[in-house]
Amino acid sequence: MVGILNNPLIIPLGAFLMIIIIVALGAMKKMRDRELQAHLDLRIREMEHERKLKELEIEKAKLELERTKASKST
């Protein structure tokens, strides 16, 4: 074990490995942020779609009510 620690390549390799790990963690965080933003955007689009569907249902009900009133008065 002592022989491995005295190897002159351990410190440069350790520093290189540490840099790779730091860069990988940064990339993973950035990817996770993008994923969360995509989920948020999708949820917002779903809510807008549901709102539009409800507006269309209300409009349809109004038209049916007007049609019913028109047929009763005729």
C-alpha atoms as a PDB file:
ATOM      1  CA  MET A   1       0.000   0.000   0.000  1.00  0.00           C
ATOM      2  CA  VAL A   2       2.828   2.381   0.817  1.00  0.00           C
ATOM      3  CA  GLY A   3       4.421   1.619  -2.544  1.00  0.00           C
ATOM      4  CA  ILE A   4       1.279   2.745  -4.400  1.00  0.00           C
ATOM      5  CA  LEU A   5       1.169   6.070  -2.532  1.00  0.00           C
ATOM      6  CA  ASN A   6       4.807   6.771  -3.388  1.00  0.00           C
ATOM      7  CA  ASN A   7       4.083   6.453  -7.096  1.00  0.00           C
ATOM      8  CA  PRO A   8       4.605   9.880  -8.745  1.00  0.00           C
ATOM      9  CA  LEU A   9       1.583   9.403 -11.032  1.00  0.00           C
ATOM     10  CA  ILE A  10      -0.999   9.175  -8.211  1.00  0.00           C
ATOM     11  CA  ILE A  11      -1.334  12.926  -7.581  1.00  0.00           C
ATOM     12  CA  PRO A  12      -1.718  13.969 -11.258  1.00  0.00           C
ATOM     13  CA  LEU A  13      -4.147  11.103 -11.927  1.00  0.00           C
ATOM     14  CA  GLY A  14      -6.124  11.977  -8.795  1.00  0.00           C
ATOM     15  CA  ALA A  15      -6.323  15.630  -9.837  1.00  0.00           C
ATOM     16  CA  PHE A  16      -7.385  14.643 -13.352  1.00  0.00           C
ATOM     17  CA  LEU A  17     -10.035  12.290 -11.991  1.00  0.00           C
ATOM     18  CA  MET A  18     -11.311  15.000  -9.644  1.00  0.00           C
ATOM     19  CA  ILE A  19     -11.693  17.427 -12.568  1.00  0.00           C
ATOM     20  CA  ILE A  20     -13.574  14.804 -14.586  1.00  0.00           C
ATOM     21  CA  ILE A  21     -15.931  14.159 -11.658  1.00  0.00           C
ATOM     22  CA  ILE A  22     -16.585  17.887 -11.155  1.00  0.00           C
ATOM     23  CA  VAL A  23     -17.344  18.383 -14.859  1.00  0.00           C
ATOM     24  CA  ALA A  24     -19.610  15.315 -14.901  1.00  0.00           C
ATOM     25  CA  LEU A  25     -21.532  16.566 -11.865  1.00  0.00           C
ATOM     26  CA  GLY A  26     -21.993  19.970 -13.497  1.00  0.00           C
ATOM     27  CA  ALA A  27     -23.245  18.353 -16.701  1.00  0.00           C
ATOM     28  CA  MET A  28     -25.650  16.144 -14.747  1.00  0.00           C
ATOM     29  CA  LYS A  29     -27.023  19.158 -12.875  1.00  0.00           C
ATOM     30  CA  LYS A  30     -27.516  21.067 -16.111  1.00  0.00           C
ATOM     31  CA  MET A  31     -29.267  18.063 -17.674  1.00  0.00           C
ATOM     32  CA  ARG A  32     -31.527  17.704 -14.627  1.00  0.00           C
ATOM     33  CA  ASP A  33     -32.420  21.412 -14.768  1.00  0.00           C
ATOM     34  CA  ARG A  34     -33.370  21.042 -18.429  1.00  0.00           C
ATOM     35  CA  GLU A  35     -35.480  17.992 -17.615  1.00  0.00           C
ATOM     36  CA  LEU A  36     -37.316  19.827 -14.843  1.00  0.00           C
ATOM     37  CA  GLN A  37     -37.922  22.808 -17.139  1.00  0.00           C
ATOM     38  CA  ALA A  38     -39.282  20.504 -19.845  1.00  0.00           C
ATOM     39  CA  HIS A  39     -41.682  18.914 -17.331  1.00  0.00           C
ATOM     40  CA  LEU A  40     -42.783  22.352 -16.157  1.00  0.00           C
ATOM     41  CA  ASP A  41     -43.365  23.539 -19.735  1.00  0.00           C
ATOM     42  CA  LEU A  42     -45.341  20.384 -20.501  1.00  0.00           C
ATOM     43  CA  ARG A  43     -47.505  20.839 -17.413  1.00  0.00           C
ATOM     44  CA  ILE A  44     -48.195  24.473 -18.348  1.00  0.00           C
ATOM     45  CA  ARG A  45     -49.200  23.401 -21.860  1.00  0.00           C
ATOM     46  CA  GLU A  46     -51.484  20.702 -20.414  1.00  0.00           C
ATOM     47  CA  MET A  47     -53.177  23.233 -18.140  1.00  0.00           C
ATOM     48  CA  GLU A  48     -53.670  25.661 -21.047  1.00  0.00           C
ATOM     49  CA  HIS A  49     -55.148  22.848 -23.130  1.00  0.00           C
ATOM     50  CA  GLU A  50     -57.553  21.886 -20.321  1.00  0.00           C
ATOM     51  CA  ARG A  51     -58.616  25.534 -19.980  1.00  0.00           C
ATOM     52  CA  LYS A  52     -59.281  25.779 -23.718  1.00  0.00           C
ATOM     53  CA  LEU A  53     -61.322  22.563 -23.629  1.00  0.00           C
ATOM     54  CA  LYS A  54     -63.424  23.923 -20.772  1.00  0.00           C
ATOM     55  CA  GLU A  55     -63.965  27.173 -22.685  1.00  0.00           C
ATOM     56  CA  LEU A  56     -65.087  25.167 -25.724  1.00  0.00           C
ATOM     57  CA  GLU A  57     -67.470  23.106 -23.583  1.00  0.00           C
ATOM     58  CA  ILE A  58     -68.970  26.315 -22.173  1.00  0.00           C
ATOM     59  CA  GLU A  59     -69.329  27.751 -25.676  1.00  0.00           C
ATOM     60  CA  LYS A  60     -70.948  24.516 -26.859  1.00  0.00           C
ATOM     61  CA  ALA A  61     -73.412  24.597 -23.960  1.00  0.00           C
ATOM     62  CA  LYS A  62     -74.290  28.225 -24.777  1.00  0.00           C
ATOM     63  CA  LEU A  63     -74.915  27.352 -28.423  1.00  0.00           C
ATOM     64  CA  GLU A  64     -77.085  24.380 -27.479  1.00  0.00           C
ATOM     65  CA  LEU A  65     -79.066  26.579 -25.094  1.00  0.00           C
ATOM     66  CA  GLU A  66     -79.571  29.181 -27.827  1.00  0.00           C
ATOM     67  CA  ARG A  67     -80.572  26.450 -30.290  1.00  0.00           C
ATOM     68  CA  THR A  68     -83.076  25.061 -27.769  1.00  0.00           C
ATOM     69  CA  LYS A  69     -84.537  28.536 -27.139  1.00  0.00           C
ATOM     70  CA  ALA A  70     -84.756  29.181 -30.887  1.00  0.00           C
ATOM     71  CA  SER A  71     -86.554  25.890 -31.551  1.00  0.00           C
ATOM     72  CA  LYS A  72     -89.046  26.527 -28.698  1.00  0.00           C
ATOM     73  CA  SER A  73     -89.868  30.032 -29.932  1.00  0.00           C
ATOM     74  CA  THR A  74     -90.404  28.882 -33.502  1.00  0.00           C
END
